[in-house]
């Protein structure tokens, strides 16, 4: 995102952090506005409860970063998705969120409206 849309990045971050628009950068916001993925990483409608995963459920890059596949995102209307992760300390049960990630088609699909 930063490399492709460097000037637009601040606009998107402003809207993500604007509590009147979206609030995906706090635990409460993710819990209220987010839709949990199912355990296989698919975005399914009406999934009301997420599943806590362990680090063993993730694959790992050579530099140690964790990764997890996400699928099932509806791509029929040039949708923009904001993805974020809730993490929990298993000893203290304290939760935190990461920085939101924005996902959208690199090139939008445009269908001209029919003019009568």
Foldseek 3Di string as FASTA:
>chain_A
DCVLCVPCVVVVVVQCVPVVRAPCQWPVRCLVPNAAADLQQERDPPRNDHDDDDQVSFDADPVGDTDHDHDHDDQPAQDKDWDKDWDADPVVRDIHIDDIDIDTDPDRDDDDDDDD
